[in-house]
Each structure stands twice: as C-alpha cells, then as structure tokens.
Amino acid sequence: MGAQYYGADSENGDRIDDPSEDALFMLISDLNNSDNTFIVVQPDEDDPVWFASVAIRDEGGYEIVRRDTTRNEHQVTTATSINDIANDLTIWLAARTFPGRPTRQVTEF
C-alpha cells in the first residue's frame, strides 16, 4: 500500500510514506555530501501541485524549499537545526490539501 497523503524520498532511494516528524528528522540526519544530498516530500500524484525539499549546502547547514502552486507559495530558506527543519516541515505539510481528506470544520459555540 502506498502513501495515503504524501511520500518522502531521498536521493539514495530511501522512501517513507506519510512520514512523521521523527521520520523526517531521520531522513534529514542521513543526508551527506556524497550520494544522499537531498530529500523531497510531495503527494503521490503524476503532477503534484506542491512539494518540499531539504538539501545539504556546501557551506554547511541545509536549504529548504517549499512550493505550493495552489497557494502561490514559493519559499527558500536555510537552517542548521535538523529538529527545527523537521518540525517546520511537519507543520507546513499539515496545512496542505489532500483529495479525500476531510476538511477542517470550526464550530462556533
């Protein structure tokens, strides 16, 4: 069975379906400068409308790219804390729209 919402793929072929914050932390921690320089997180679709990537920078740290064409978002940032990156990505991913996922409903009291 594939991912219900999205998958995280690393350059070296590792894949995690619907990764948790801890799984993203693990994938980012496994990045290196030789054969595993980036991960990409995106929906399992032929033409995904959003993606996020994390890549090692030659100068140290990581470059994080978030793009969502449905929301006109394109953000490129850098960071050094894997914990912060995994946390930020988890929050960003939670705000994405997925076909078949129930929409959030706010009830007024």
Protein backbone atom coordinates (compact mmCIF):
# COMPACT_ATOMS: atom_id res chain seq x y z
CA MET A 1 0.00 0.00 0.00
CA GLY A 2 1.34 3.43 -0.91
CA ALA A 3 1.16 6.70 0.89
CA GLN A 4 -2.24 7.92 1.92
CA TYR A 5 -1.25 11.57 1.53
CA TYR A 6 2.41 12.04 0.54
CA GLY A 7 5.80 10.40 0.50
CA ALA A 8 9.34 11.44 1.38
CA ASP A 9 12.06 10.24 -0.98
CA SER A 10 15.80 10.66 -0.52
CA GLU A 11 18.40 10.75 -3.26
CA ASN A 12 19.75 7.34 -2.20
CA GLY A 13 16.35 5.68 -2.73
CA ASP A 14 15.01 5.62 0.83
CA ARG A 15 11.27 6.25 0.98
CA ILE A 16 8.83 6.80 3.82
CA ASP A 17 5.09 7.06 3.19
CA ASP A 18 3.29 9.75 5.19
CA PRO A 19 6.38 10.47 7.32
CA SER A 20 6.07 11.65 10.89
CA GLU A 21 8.23 14.44 12.30
CA ASP A 22 10.61 11.79 13.66
CA ALA A 23 10.84 10.09 10.25
CA LEU A 24 11.64 13.43 8.58
CA PHE A 25 14.31 14.03 11.24
CA MET A 26 15.82 10.62 10.43
CA LEU A 27 15.83 11.22 6.66
CA ILE A 28 17.44 14.65 7.07
CA SER A 29 20.01 13.24 9.52
CA ASP A 30 21.00 10.64 6.92
CA LEU A 31 21.90 13.27 4.30
CA ASN A 32 25.56 13.53 3.30
CA ASN A 33 27.74 15.35 0.77
CA SER A 34 28.45 12.37 -1.48
CA ASP A 35 25.49 10.22 -2.51
CA ASN A 36 22.48 11.40 -0.47
CA THR A 37 22.33 15.18 -0.71
CA PHE A 38 18.57 15.83 -0.65
CA ILE A 39 15.06 14.63 0.21
CA VAL A 40 11.79 15.57 -1.49
CA VAL A 41 8.35 15.37 0.10
CA GLN A 42 5.35 15.51 -2.23
CA PRO A 43 1.97 13.90 -2.88
CA ASP A 44 1.89 10.60 -4.75
CA GLU A 45 0.41 12.09 -7.92
CA ASP A 46 1.51 12.37 -11.54
CA ASP A 47 1.68 16.15 -11.44
CA PRO A 48 1.90 17.26 -7.78
CA VAL A 49 0.85 20.84 -7.04
CA TRP A 50 3.17 21.17 -4.04
CA PHE A 51 6.48 19.87 -2.76
CA ALA A 52 9.08 20.49 -0.09
CA SER A 53 12.76 19.64 -0.32
CA VAL A 54 15.73 19.70 2.01
CA ALA A 55 19.27 19.71 0.62
CA ILE A 56 22.73 19.91 2.16
CA ARG A 57 24.53 23.18 1.45
CA ASP A 58 28.24 23.20 0.57
CA GLU A 59 28.70 25.98 3.12
CA GLY A 60 27.08 23.88 5.85
CA GLY A 61 23.51 23.64 7.00
CA TYR A 62 20.50 22.93 4.83
CA GLU A 63 18.45 24.66 2.15
CA ILE A 64 14.71 24.17 2.49
CA VAL A 65 12.38 24.81 -0.44
CA ARG A 66 8.60 24.87 -0.07
CA ARG A 67 6.41 25.32 -3.14
CA ASP A 68 2.62 25.16 -3.44
CA THR A 69 1.20 26.36 -6.74
CA THR A 70 -2.40 26.31 -5.47
CA ARG A 71 -1.48 28.90 -2.83
CA ASN A 72 1.08 30.80 -4.90
CA GLU A 73 3.77 29.94 -2.35
CA HIS A 74 7.47 29.60 -3.08
CA GLN A 75 9.83 29.93 -0.16
CA VAL A 76 13.55 29.16 0.04
CA THR A 77 15.22 29.28 3.46
CA THR A 78 18.33 27.95 5.16
CA ALA A 79 18.70 26.37 8.58
CA THR A 80 21.15 24.36 10.64
CA SER A 81 18.89 22.61 13.16
CA ILE A 82 17.50 19.31 11.87
CA ASN A 83 14.99 19.33 14.71
CA ASP A 84 13.65 22.76 13.67
CA ILE A 85 13.51 21.74 10.00
CA ALA A 86 11.56 18.54 10.71
CA ASN A 87 9.16 20.44 12.99
CA ASP A 88 8.59 23.26 10.49
CA LEU A 89 8.03 20.81 7.62
CA THR A 90 5.53 18.81 9.67
CA ILE A 91 3.52 21.95 10.36
CA TRP A 92 3.72 23.04 6.71
CA LEU A 93 2.67 19.58 5.47
CA ALA A 94 -0.33 19.55 7.82
CA ALA A 95 -1.67 22.66 6.05
CA ARG A 96 -1.61 21.07 2.57
CA THR A 97 -4.80 19.96 0.84
CA PHE A 98 -5.22 16.28 0.01
CA PRO A 99 -8.02 14.73 -2.05
CA GLY A 100 -10.21 12.58 0.16
CA ARG A 101 -9.02 14.08 3.44
CA PRO A 102 -11.83 15.60 5.48
CA THR A 103 -11.74 19.37 5.63
CA ARG A 104 -11.35 21.06 8.97
CA GLN A 105 -14.51 22.39 10.44
CA VAL A 106 -14.68 25.10 13.06
CA THR A 107 -17.75 25.12 15.24
CA GLU A 108 -18.84 28.29 16.95
CA PHE A 109 -20.10 27.91 20.49
